PDB file of N, CA and C in Angstrom:
ATOM      1  N   MET A   1     110.705  75.100  77.683  1.00  0.00           N
ATOM      2  CA  MET A   1     111.287  76.066  78.607  1.00  0.00           C
ATOM      3  C   MET A   1     111.889  77.235  77.820  1.00  0.00           C
ATOM      4  N   ALA A   2     111.569  78.432  78.209  1.00  0.00           N
ATOM      5  CA  ALA A   2     112.044  79.634  77.510  1.00  0.00           C
ATOM      6  C   ALA A   2     113.532  79.848  77.737  1.00  0.00           C
ATOM      7  N   ASN A   3     114.226  80.237  76.664  1.00  0.00           N
ATOM      8  CA  ASN A   3     115.634  80.594  76.782  1.00  0.00           C
ATOM      9  C   ASN A   3     115.806  82.027  77.249  1.00  0.00           C
ATOM     10  N   LYS A   4     114.899  82.897  76.792  1.00  0.00           N
ATOM     11  CA  LYS A   4     114.924  84.300  77.192  1.00  0.00           C
ATOM     12  C   LYS A   4     113.521  84.716  77.602  1.00  0.00           C
ATOM     13  N   ILE A   5     113.474  85.557  78.609  1.00  0.00           N
ATOM     14  CA  ILE A   5     112.204  86.111  79.057  1.00  0.00           C
ATOM     15  C   ILE A   5     112.369  87.622  79.202  1.00  0.00           C
ATOM     16  N   ARG A   6     111.272  88.296  79.381  1.00  0.00           N
ATOM     17  CA  ARG A   6     111.303  89.737  79.636  1.00  0.00           C
ATOM     18  C   ARG A   6     110.517  89.994  80.914  1.00  0.00           C
ATOM     19  N   THR A   7     111.063  90.837  81.763  1.00  0.00           N
ATOM     20  CA  THR A   7     110.391  91.155  83.020  1.00  0.00           C
ATOM     21  C   THR A   7     110.459  92.646  83.310  1.00  0.00           C
ATOM     22  N   SER A   8     109.570  93.045  84.186  1.00  0.00           N
ATOM     23  CA  SER A   8     109.644  94.341  84.844  1.00  0.00           C
ATOM     24  C   SER A   8     109.695  94.049  86.333  1.00  0.00           C
ATOM     25  N   HIS A   9     110.221  94.991  87.101  1.00  0.00           N
ATOM     26  CA  HIS A   9     110.256  94.768  88.550  1.00  0.00           C
ATOM     27  C   HIS A   9     110.152  96.075  89.304  1.00  0.00           C
ATOM     28  N   ILE A  10     109.807  95.920  90.563  1.00  0.00           N
ATOM     29  CA  ILE A  10     109.813  97.030  91.518  1.00  0.00           C
ATOM     30  C   ILE A  10     110.770  96.601  92.624  1.00  0.00           C
ATOM     31  N   LEU A  11     111.784  97.401  92.868  1.00  0.00           N
ATOM     32  CA  LEU A  11     112.792  97.091  93.881  1.00  0.00           C
ATOM     33  C   LEU A  11     112.674  98.076  95.029  1.00  0.00           C
ATOM     34  N   VAL A  12     112.551  97.540  96.242  1.00  0.00           N
ATOM     35  CA  VAL A  12     112.511  98.361  97.459  1.00  0.00           C
ATOM     36  C   VAL A  12     113.429  97.751  98.508  1.00  0.00           C
ATOM     37  N   GLU A  13     113.747  98.532  99.527  1.00  0.00           N
ATOM     38  CA  GLU A  13     114.687  98.079 100.547  1.00  0.00           C
ATOM     39  C   GLU A  13     114.088  97.123 101.566  1.00  0.00           C
ATOM     40  N   LYS A  14     112.840  97.355 101.951  1.00  0.00           N
ATOM     41  CA  LYS A  14     112.263  96.617 103.075  1.00  0.00           C
ATOM     42  C   LYS A  14     111.138  95.688 102.635  1.00  0.00           C
ATOM     43  N   GLN A  15     111.063  94.555 103.294  1.00  0.00           N
ATOM     44  CA  GLN A  15     110.006  93.586 103.001  1.00  0.00           C
ATOM     45  C   GLN A  15     108.627  94.199 103.256  1.00  0.00           C
ATOM     46  N   SER A  16     108.508  95.008 104.307  1.00  0.00           N
ATOM     47  CA  SER A  16     107.217  95.621 104.614  1.00  0.00           C
ATOM     48  C   SER A  16     106.745  96.510 103.468  1.00  0.00           C
ATOM     49  N   GLN A  17     107.664  97.258 102.851  1.00  0.00           N
ATOM     50  CA  GLN A  17     107.320  98.083 101.682  1.00  0.00           C
ATOM     51  C   GLN A  17     106.851  97.194 100.538  1.00  0.00           C
ATOM     52  N   ALA A  18     107.597  96.136 100.282  1.00  0.00           N
ATOM     53  CA  ALA A  18     107.276  95.227  99.174  1.00  0.00           C
ATOM     54  C   ALA A  18     105.893  94.613  99.362  1.00  0.00           C
ATOM     55  N   LEU A  19     105.571  94.233 100.578  1.00  0.00           N
ATOM     56  CA  LEU A  19     104.270  93.620 100.844  1.00  0.00           C
ATOM     57  C   LEU A  19     103.122  94.623 100.635  1.00  0.00           C
ATOM     58  N   LYS A  20     103.325  95.875 101.029  1.00  0.00           N
ATOM     59  CA  LYS A  20     102.298  96.904 100.820  1.00  0.00           C
ATOM     60  C   LYS A  20     102.081  97.151  99.325  1.00  0.00           C
ATOM     61  N   ILE A  21     103.167  97.221  98.572  1.00  0.00           N
ATOM     62  CA  ILE A  21     103.069  97.441  97.128  1.00  0.00           C
ATOM     63  C   ILE A  21     102.424  96.235  96.459  1.00  0.00           C
ATOM     64  N   LYS A  22     102.801  95.041  96.882  1.00  0.00           N
ATOM     65  CA  LYS A  22     102.243  93.809  96.303  1.00  0.00           C
ATOM     66  C   LYS A  22     100.724  93.791  96.453  1.00  0.00           C
ATOM     67  N   ASP A  23     100.226  94.295  97.558  1.00  0.00           N
ATOM     68  CA  ASP A  23      98.782  94.339  97.785  1.00  0.00           C
ATOM     69  C   ASP A  23      98.071  95.286  96.808  1.00  0.00           C
ATOM     70  N   GLN A  24      98.793  96.264  96.277  1.00  0.00           N
ATOM     71  CA  GLN A  24      98.201  97.263  95.383  1.00  0.00           C
ATOM     72  C   GLN A  24      98.411  96.942  93.901  1.00  0.00           C
ATOM     73  N   VAL A  25      99.435  96.163  93.603  1.00  0.00           N
ATOM     74  CA  VAL A  25      99.903  96.029  92.222  1.00  0.00           C
ATOM     75  C   VAL A  25      99.007  95.122  91.386  1.00  0.00           C
ATOM     76  N   ASN A  26      98.852  95.502  90.112  1.00  0.00           N
ATOM     77  CA  ASN A  26      98.174  94.659  89.132  1.00  0.00           C
ATOM     78  C   ASN A  26      98.784  94.956  87.759  1.00  0.00           C
ATOM     79  N   LEU A  27      98.326  94.264  86.736  1.00  0.00           N
ATOM     80  CA  LEU A  27      98.922  94.436  85.408  1.00  0.00           C
ATOM     81  C   LEU A  27      98.811  95.867  84.901  1.00  0.00           C
ATOM     82  N   LYS A  28      97.736  96.535  85.219  1.00  0.00           N
ATOM     83  CA  LYS A  28      97.515  97.889  84.692  1.00  0.00           C
ATOM     84  C   LYS A  28      98.336  98.950  85.404  1.00  0.00           C
ATOM     85  N   ASN A  29      98.591  98.794  86.702  1.00  0.00           N
ATOM     86  CA  ASN A  29      99.297  99.852  87.423  1.00  0.00           C
ATOM     87  C   ASN A  29     100.745  99.514  87.759  1.00  0.00           C
ATOM     88  N   PHE A  30     101.252  98.388  87.272  1.00  0.00           N
ATOM     89  CA  PHE A  30     102.608  97.965  87.628  1.00  0.00           C
ATOM     90  C   PHE A  30     103.635  99.043  87.289  1.00  0.00           C
ATOM     91  N   ALA A  31     103.622  99.543  86.064  1.00  0.00           N
ATOM     92  CA  ALA A  31     104.609 100.547  85.637  1.00  0.00           C
ATOM     93  C   ALA A  31     104.503 101.822  86.468  1.00  0.00           C
ATOM     94  N   GLU A  32     103.278 102.228  86.752  1.00  0.00           N
ATOM     95  CA  GLU A  32     103.060 103.428  87.559  1.00  0.00           C
ATOM     96  C   GLU A  32     103.643 103.259  88.963  1.00  0.00           C
ATOM     97  N   LEU A  33     103.405 102.105  89.578  1.00  0.00           N
ATOM     98  CA  LEU A  33     103.944 101.849  90.920  1.00  0.00           C
ATOM     99  C   LEU A  33     105.458 101.717  90.888  1.00  0.00           C
ATOM    100  N   ALA A  34     106.010 101.138  89.817  1.00  0.00           N
ATOM    101  CA  ALA A  34     107.475 101.041  89.682  1.00  0.00           C
ATOM    102  C   ALA A  34     108.086 102.439  89.629  1.00  0.00           C
ATOM    103  N   LYS A  35     107.493 103.318  88.839  1.00  0.00           N
ATOM    104  CA  LYS A  35     108.006 104.692  88.729  1.00  0.00           C
ATOM    105  C   LYS A  35     107.931 105.417  90.061  1.00  0.00           C
ATOM    106  N   GLN A  36     106.906 105.117  90.830  1.00  0.00           N
ATOM    107  CA  GLN A  36     106.694 105.804  92.108  1.00  0.00           C
ATOM    108  C   GLN A  36     107.586 105.268  93.229  1.00  0.00           C
ATOM    109  N   TYR A  37     107.755 103.948  93.305  1.00  0.00           N
ATOM    110  CA  TYR A  37     108.394 103.350  94.483  1.00  0.00           C
ATOM    111  C   TYR A  37     109.764 102.702  94.259  1.00  0.00           C
ATOM    112  N   SER A  38     110.059 102.241  93.071  1.00  0.00           N
ATOM    113  CA  SER A  38     111.270 101.453  92.863  1.00  0.00           C
ATOM    114  C   SER A  38     112.531 102.285  93.078  1.00  0.00           C
ATOM    115  N   THR A  39     113.563 101.663  93.622  1.00  0.00           N
ATOM    116  CA  THR A  39     114.860 102.308  93.811  1.00  0.00           C
ATOM    117  C   THR A  39     115.827 101.957  92.682  1.00  0.00           C
ATOM    118  N   CYS A  40     115.410 101.137  91.748  1.00  0.00           N
ATOM    119  CA  CYS A  40     116.244 100.721  90.617  1.00  0.00           C
ATOM    120  C   CYS A  40     116.159 101.764  89.500  1.00  0.00           C
ATOM    121  N   PRO A  41     117.253 102.019  88.785  1.00  0.00           N
ATOM    122  CA  PRO A  41     117.198 102.937  87.647  1.00  0.00           C
ATOM    123  C   PRO A  41     116.149 102.548  86.592  1.00  0.00           C
ATOM    124  N   SER A  42     115.757 101.278  86.558  1.00  0.00           N
ATOM    125  CA  SER A  42     114.741 100.827  85.601  1.00  0.00           C
ATOM    126  C   SER A  42     113.377 101.474  85.867  1.00  0.00           C
ATOM    127  N   LYS A  43     113.220 102.139  87.000  1.00  0.00           N
ATOM    128  CA  LYS A  43     111.931 102.770  87.316  1.00  0.00           C
ATOM    129  C   LYS A  43     111.544 103.796  86.267  1.00  0.00           C
ATOM    130  N   LYS A  44     112.529 104.397  85.608  1.00  0.00           N
ATOM    131  CA  LYS A  44     112.244 105.372  84.548  1.00  0.00           C
ATOM    132  C   LYS A  44     111.493 104.727  83.385  1.00  0.00           C
ATOM    133  N   ARG A  45     111.671 103.417  83.225  1.00  0.00           N
ATOM    134  CA  ARG A  45     111.004 102.657  82.168  1.00  0.00           C
ATOM    135  C   ARG A  45     109.853 101.830  82.740  1.00  0.00           C
ATOM    136  N   GLY A  46     109.327 102.233  83.871  1.00  0.00           N
ATOM    137  CA  GLY A  46     108.236 101.498  84.501  1.00  0.00           C
ATOM    138  C   GLY A  46     108.682 100.155  85.041  1.00  0.00           C
ATOM    139  N   GLY A  47     109.967 100.037  85.338  1.00  0.00           N
ATOM    140  CA  GLY A  47     110.522  98.802  85.892  1.00  0.00           C
ATOM    141  C   GLY A  47     110.989  97.806  84.847  1.00  0.00           C
ATOM    142  N   ASP A  48     110.856  98.135  83.567  1.00  0.00           N
ATOM    143  CA  ASP A  48     111.202  97.204  82.486  1.00  0.00           C
ATOM    144  C   ASP A  48     112.696  96.895  82.485  1.00  0.00           C
ATOM    145  N   LEU A  49     113.032  95.616  82.596  1.00  0.00           N
ATOM    146  CA  LEU A  49     114.423  95.167  82.557  1.00  0.00           C
ATOM    147  C   LEU A  49     114.823  94.629  81.192  1.00  0.00           C
ATOM    148  N   GLY A  50     113.873  94.563  80.276  1.00  0.00           N
ATOM    149  CA  GLY A  50     114.173  94.024  78.950  1.00  0.00           C
ATOM    150  C   GLY A  50     114.288  92.511  78.977  1.00  0.00           C
ATOM    151  N   GLU A  51     114.786  91.963  77.876  1.00  0.00           N
ATOM    152  CA  GLU A  51     114.956  90.506  77.766  1.00  0.00           C
ATOM    153  C   GLU A  51     116.275  90.076  78.374  1.00  0.00           C
ATOM    154  N   PHE A  52     116.273  88.899  78.956  1.00  0.00           N
ATOM    155  CA  PHE A  52     117.513  88.312  79.478  1.00  0.00           C
ATOM    156  C   PHE A  52     117.393  86.806  79.478  1.00  0.00           C
ATOM    157  N   GLY A  53     118.528  86.164  79.492  1.00  0.00           N
ATOM    158  CA  GLY A  53     118.587  84.706  79.546  1.00  0.00           C
ATOM    159  C   GLY A  53     119.098  84.241  80.894  1.00  0.00           C
ATOM    160  N   ARG A  54     119.182  82.959  81.018  1.00  0.00           N
ATOM    161  CA  ARG A  54     119.678  82.380  82.274  1.00  0.00           C
ATOM    162  C   ARG A  54     121.139  82.786  82.497  1.00  0.00           C
ATOM    163  N   GLY A  55     121.464  83.009  83.765  1.00  0.00           N
ATOM    164  CA  GLY A  55     122.830  83.373  84.127  1.00  0.00           C
ATOM    165  C   GLY A  55     123.116  84.864  84.063  1.00  0.00           C
ATOM    166  N   GLN A  56     122.111  85.679  83.761  1.00  0.00           N
ATOM    167  CA  GLN A  56     122.338  87.117  83.633  1.00  0.00           C
ATOM    168  C   GLN A  56     121.867  87.909  84.850  1.00  0.00           C
ATOM    169  N   MET A  57     121.045  87.311  85.676  1.00  0.00           N
ATOM    170  CA  MET A  57     120.529  87.985  86.872  1.00  0.00           C
ATOM    171  C   MET A  57     120.990  87.220  88.116  1.00  0.00           C
ATOM    172  N   VAL A  58     120.871  87.867  89.274  1.00  0.00           N
ATOM    173  CA  VAL A  58     121.210  87.152  90.504  1.00  0.00           C
ATOM    174  C   VAL A  58     120.296  85.935  90.635  1.00  0.00           C
ATOM    175  N   LYS A  59     120.820  84.905  91.267  1.00  0.00           N
ATOM    176  CA  LYS A  59     120.176  83.589  91.302  1.00  0.00           C
ATOM    177  C   LYS A  59     118.724  83.620  91.780  1.00  0.00           C
ATOM    178  N   GLU A  60     118.448  84.308  92.882  1.00  0.00           N
ATOM    179  CA  GLU A  60     117.091  84.324  93.442  1.00  0.00           C
ATOM    180  C   GLU A  60     116.105  84.989  92.477  1.00  0.00           C
ATOM    181  N   PHE A  61     116.549  86.086  91.872  1.00  0.00           N
ATOM    182  CA  PHE A  61     115.700  86.809  90.926  1.00  0.00           C
ATOM    183  C   PHE A  61     115.431  85.937  89.702  1.00  0.00           C
ATOM    184  N   GLU A  62     116.482  85.357  89.149  1.00  0.00           N
ATOM    185  CA  GLU A  62     116.342  84.518  87.952  1.00  0.00           C
ATOM    186  C   GLU A  62     115.401  83.345  88.193  1.00  0.00           C
ATOM    187  N   LYS A  63     115.581  82.664  89.303  1.00  0.00           N
ATOM    188  CA  LYS A  63     114.733  81.496  89.607  1.00  0.00           C
ATOM    189  C   LYS A  63     113.259  81.908  89.644  1.00  0.00           C
ATOM    190  N   ALA A  64     112.963  82.968  90.366  1.00  0.00           N
ATOM    191  CA  ALA A  64     111.574  83.430  90.480  1.00  0.00           C
ATOM    192  C   ALA A  64     111.031  83.880  89.132  1.00  0.00           C
ATOM    193  N   ALA A  65     111.816  84.626  88.383  1.00  0.00           N
ATOM    194  CA  ALA A  65     111.354  85.166  87.096  1.00  0.00           C
ATOM    195  C   ALA A  65     111.036  84.063  86.099  1.00  0.00           C
ATOM    196  N   PHE A  66     111.900  83.055  86.012  1.00  0.00           N
ATOM    197  CA  PHE A  66     111.681  81.980  85.051  1.00  0.00           C
ATOM    198  C   PHE A  66     110.539  81.056  85.460  1.00  0.00           C
ATOM    199  N   GLU A  67     110.143  81.070  86.722  1.00  0.00           N
ATOM    200  CA  GLU A  67     109.010  80.259  87.175  1.00  0.00           C
ATOM    201  C   GLU A  67     107.667  80.926  86.895  1.00  0.00           C
ATOM    202  N   LEU A  68     107.674  82.226  86.630  1.00  0.00           N
ATOM    203  CA  LEU A  68     106.424  82.954  86.386  1.00  0.00           C
ATOM    204  C   LEU A  68     105.879  82.656  84.989  1.00  0.00           C
ATOM    205  N   ASP A  69     104.574  82.698  84.872  1.00  0.00           N
ATOM    206  CA  ASP A  69     103.922  82.690  83.564  1.00  0.00           C
ATOM    207  C   ASP A  69     103.863  84.130  83.067  1.00  0.00           C
ATOM    208  N   VAL A  70     103.673  84.317  81.762  1.00  0.00           N
ATOM    209  CA  VAL A  70     103.531  85.656  81.206  1.00  0.00           C
ATOM    210  C   VAL A  70     102.346  86.349  81.885  1.00  0.00           C
ATOM    211  N   ASN A  71     102.554  87.594  82.264  1.00  0.00           N
ATOM    212  CA  ASN A  71     101.582  88.452  82.964  1.00  0.00           C
ATOM    213  C   ASN A  71     101.347  88.049  84.413  1.00  0.00           C
ATOM    214  N   GLN A  72     102.163  87.182  84.949  1.00  0.00           N
ATOM    215  CA  GLN A  72     102.057  86.816  86.364  1.00  0.00           C
ATOM    216  C   GLN A  72     102.989  87.706  87.175  1.00  0.00           C
ATOM    217  N   ILE A  73     102.569  88.041  88.395  1.00  0.00           N
ATOM    218  CA  ILE A  73     103.334  88.898  89.289  1.00  0.00           C
ATOM    219  C   ILE A  73     103.756  88.074  90.505  1.00  0.00           C
ATOM    220  N   SER A  74     105.023  88.176  90.853  1.00  0.00           N
ATOM    221  CA  SER A  74     105.578  87.381  91.951  1.00  0.00           C
ATOM    222  C   SER A  74     105.235  87.964  93.312  1.00  0.00           C
ATOM    223  N   GLU A  75     105.409  87.139  94.308  1.00  0.00           N
ATOM    224  CA  GLU A  75     105.477  87.613  95.687  1.00  0.00           C
ATOM    225  C   GLU A  75     106.828  88.321  95.831  1.00  0.00           C
ATOM    226  N   PRO A  76     107.052  89.110  96.880  1.00  0.00           N
ATOM    227  CA  PRO A  76     108.358  89.743  97.051  1.00  0.00           C
ATOM    228  C   PRO A  76     109.491  88.706  97.130  1.00  0.00           C
ATOM    229  N   ILE A  77     110.563  88.962  96.381  1.00  0.00           N
ATOM    230  CA  ILE A  77     111.728  88.087  96.312  1.00  0.00           C
ATOM    231  C   ILE A  77     112.923  88.839  96.887  1.00  0.00           C
ATOM    232  N   LYS A  78     113.592  88.246  97.881  1.00  0.00           N
ATOM    233  CA  LYS A  78     114.745  88.897  98.512  1.00  0.00           C
ATOM    234  C   LYS A  78     116.026  88.544  97.762  1.00  0.00           C
ATOM    235  N   THR A  79     116.811  89.582  97.441  1.00  0.00           N
ATOM    236  CA  THR A  79     118.161  89.401  96.901  1.00  0.00           C
ATOM    237  C   THR A  79     119.087  90.337  97.671  1.00  0.00           C
ATOM    238  N   LYS A  80     120.343  90.346  97.305  1.00  0.00           N
ATOM    239  CA  LYS A  80     121.299  91.242  97.971  1.00  0.00           C
ATOM    240  C   LYS A  80     120.979  92.716  97.702  1.00  0.00           C
ATOM    241  N   PHE A  81     120.134  92.992  96.708  1.00  0.00           N
ATOM    242  CA  PHE A  81     119.781  94.367  96.359  1.00  0.00           C
ATOM    243  C   PHE A  81     118.560  94.878  97.119  1.00  0.00           C
ATOM    244  N   GLY A  82     117.779  93.977  97.683  1.00  0.00           N
ATOM    245  CA  GLY A  82     116.557  94.343  98.387  1.00  0.00           C
ATOM    246  C   GLY A  82     115.443  93.371  98.037  1.00  0.00           C
ATOM    247  N   TYR A  83     114.220  93.871  97.998  1.00  0.00           N
ATOM    248  CA  TYR A  83     113.043  93.045  97.712  1.00  0.00           C
ATOM    249  C   TYR A  83     112.453  93.436  96.358  1.00  0.00           C
ATOM    250  N   HIS A  84     112.267  92.448  95.509  1.00  0.00           N
ATOM    251  CA  HIS A  84     111.760  92.656  94.161  1.00  0.00           C
ATOM    252  C   HIS A  84     110.343  92.110  94.042  1.00  0.00           C
ATOM    253  N   ILE A  85     109.490  92.851  93.369  1.00  0.00           N
ATOM    254  CA  ILE A  85     108.211  92.326  92.886  1.00  0.00           C
ATOM    255  C   ILE A  85     108.407  92.242  91.382  1.00  0.00           C
ATOM    256  N   ILE A  86     108.285  91.054  90.851  1.00  0.00           N
ATOM    257  CA  ILE A  86     108.610  90.793  89.448  1.00  0.00           C
ATOM    258  C   ILE A  86     107.330  90.505  88.665  1.00  0.00           C
ATOM    259  N   MET A  87     107.249  91.103  87.477  1.00  0.00           N
ATOM    260  CA  MET A  87     106.172  90.778  86.553  1.00  0.00           C
ATOM    261  C   MET A  87     106.807  90.288  85.252  1.00  0.00           C
ATOM    262  N   ARG A  88     106.446  89.073  84.855  1.00  0.00           N
ATOM    263  CA  ARG A  88     106.951  88.564  83.584  1.00  0.00           C
ATOM    264  C   ARG A  88     106.072  89.107  82.464  1.00  0.00           C
ATOM    265  N   THR A  89     106.706  89.711  81.467  1.00  0.00           N
ATOM    266  CA  THR A  89     105.954  90.333  80.386  1.00  0.00           C
ATOM    267  C   THR A  89     106.098  89.591  79.051  1.00  0.00           C
ATOM    268  N   LYS A  90     107.040  88.678  78.955  1.00  0.00           N
ATOM    269  CA  LYS A  90     107.209  87.895  77.733  1.00  0.00           C
ATOM    270  C   LYS A  90     107.882  86.567  78.042  1.00  0.00           C
TER     271      LYS A  90
END
């Protein structure tokens, strides 16, 4: 089990937005879609959140992120911030 992982994400307010983006997203265009649609400041970096360990992110986000394999993209995950599409990059 990894102690630290690296992810990128796209954060939007509505589930309907997240589902539309999820239908379009892939490994090659993830950063481009993050820059275009994400409401998180990380959008400037293509959604890159950098490395983090357990206990550093909100519970729902952390659980989903740590369950992903490298280069896997999640279904939309709801947190208090909105809906996240997460891609594990390391």
